[in-house]
Structures are given as C-alpha cells and as structure tokens.
Amino acid sequence: MKQKVFAVCVLLAVMGTAFAEDTEPKTPWDFSITTDFAYYPKTDAVPSTGGVHFAPLTGLYGGVKLSVTGTAGYTIPVPFGDNPLVSGNKLRVYGQFELSPVSIAPGVGVSFSPIAFLNFSAGSSIGIGWTIKAGSLNLQGIAAWNPIAAAYDDRAFKSAFWEAWFQSAFMFDFAAVKPGDWNHIVAYAAYKLAYQGITSGGENGNPWLYQLAGEKINGWQYSVSFIAAYQMPLVLQTVGVQTELSGQLNGTKDFAARYHSMNPNFMTISISPIMVFEFSKKDSLTLQFKFASRRSYTEKASASKDVLTGLQQSGREWYFNRIALSYRHGF
C-alpha cells in the first residue's frame, strides 16, 4: 500500500526549533514550498502459510509519486511566564495547497506548544482527483472499488477526498540539558488520529483509492511515530531512524464483511533511515529509505495492484517500500 509521505520534514523541523536559543521569529509570517518525490521499486507478494518473511525486489519500477505543497503560516507567541519551559509557548495557524499530477488538495491546520517538549496540533483538508491515461498508463487520482469487476472505477470529479486529524507529540533534545552544538541527541514520539473518507463511492464499507494508493476506507485511522536522531552543525544536519505503526482504529466495522478475510485490523509497521541536509536556513533536503510490512496472503498477489477480494491474510511480509526525497524552500 502506497501511503502519503514526508511528514518527516515537519517532524524534524519541530525538533530543530523546539529548543533553539532564539525562539522569537523576526516576523510572525512564514512561507514555504515543499517538493516531494518518491520512487517505488516493484516487489511482488510471496504466498505464505503464516509467520513473518521478506519479499525480494522483482522489478526496478513499481511507481513514483510527486507533489508540490505551498504553505503560509502565522505564529502567535503565548508565553505563560518566564520559566524556560513555558516562556517560548506559541500558537501557529497555517494554510496549505497541495498539487500532484492527479489531485489538488487545500488544507488548514493549527499547532500549540503549551510546554517546551509538548505539541498539540489539528487540521483538515479536502481534495479532488482525476485520471491520467496514456497507453497502458492508468494513473488514478480518486476511485472506488468495484467488487464485481475486481478493479477501481474512476470517480474523477464525481467524489472528493476529505480528512480531519488530531495529533499530540512529545519531543526532547539532550542539548537542552547540556548545551552544545554537538549535543543534539533528539527524540520524538507522536500519536495521530485521522478520519479519512470520500464523499461518494465509499458507502457501506466499500474500499477506495486516492492519489494512486488503494485499500482505503471511510473511518478512523491511527498512527504512532517514533524518531531517534542526531543533529550536527554540518550540511548533513540530521541522521536518524523513524519507526511508524499504523492501521484502522476499527477495521472490522469500517470494511464490509466480504473483506474481513484480509484482516482489516492489520497494523502496518515501517522503519525508515532518514538524513536531512540543511543547505541554508531556508533550504533543506530530506532523504528517506523506507522498509515496510504488509499483509501476506495464502495466494500470490501483485504489490502493484490492490487485490481485495477472496484473499486470506496469513502473516506479515517485509519489503523495501520506497526511496523518498523532500526539498523545502522557505521565504
């Protein structure tokens, strides 16, 4: 399953600024453009009778993903006192606009840091998608699963994707205890709840697709993210590892009964080495290598297709998911 990526840039930006000595921005406004690119090699699923196994690469190309997001934010200082834990408190509101080859999605959000090491945030977005067809190429921006045809039917301009999410995060930088340019050992943990759905085509527990990624369903999702990283006063500013656990909060309720053999409550796990190159205060590049797990089935299924009907989940399969690049330019 191809998931929306590049939360890493935001997470590391929060960690990098949470303990900065100069916490007051010169202007309350901030503007940025982020270009995200991901390359997916092809990895076909391996039939399994249970347990955990690894699926090798079966091809050089399994897909790509590209998007550009413009963001405008406004920060309001809300200090609770002179104590270092609360003197840098701030509220940030922002709007953004995401454009990909098959979709557009505006969104809004807000984040608040009541204590130096805690952050709470929430947001929502809505998007529309379309399909690009050229020969054998069929890139679907939004579609609903057709169980009879065992394929996704286009819902271009007939349905819209929408999402609302809430997140709490804890962050810690060892340099806050022992200051020094080489003492930035950082840890980040976040729990996120998100409701995702489409306005039509996802009724009665029917799966759907958005931005080429299928096996989605109307309902609440959870994700838990952990990052351990080391920050340096170099161009290679950060090296670290992100671990993420995610799934449906109540998959058996969200998915129709005909899909229960695939185990709708399956929790995906991913481990991603990450590197952040900071070329200037305004320009940074995040490089991510993602190893992920997915459902393993008793029958062979191609990872390039989202086969939902008639497959029995029988274990966990690890595979190399993607190489991702995210370039951020601030203004």
Foldseek 3Di string as FASTA:
>chain_A
DDDDDDCVVVQVVLQVQLQDPDNDDPFQKWKKKKKKKWFFFWWWFDADQFAEEATAGDGGHLDMWIKMKIKMKGKDADAPDDPQFGRNKIKMKMKMWMDTPWKIKIKIKMKTRRTSFKMKMKMKMKMFTAWDDDPPDTFAAKFWADVVVQATHHCHVVKMKMKIKIKMKGKDFQCSVVPDQQRGWMKMKMKMKMFIDMPDRQPPQTWMDHRLDTPHHGAIKMKIKIKTWGAHPAQQGIKIKMKMKMAGPDQVVGHHPQQCQQPRRDIKIKMKIKIKGDPDPFKIKIKIWIKIKDFHWNDIDTPSDDRRGDTGGHYIYIYGTIIMMMMMGMD
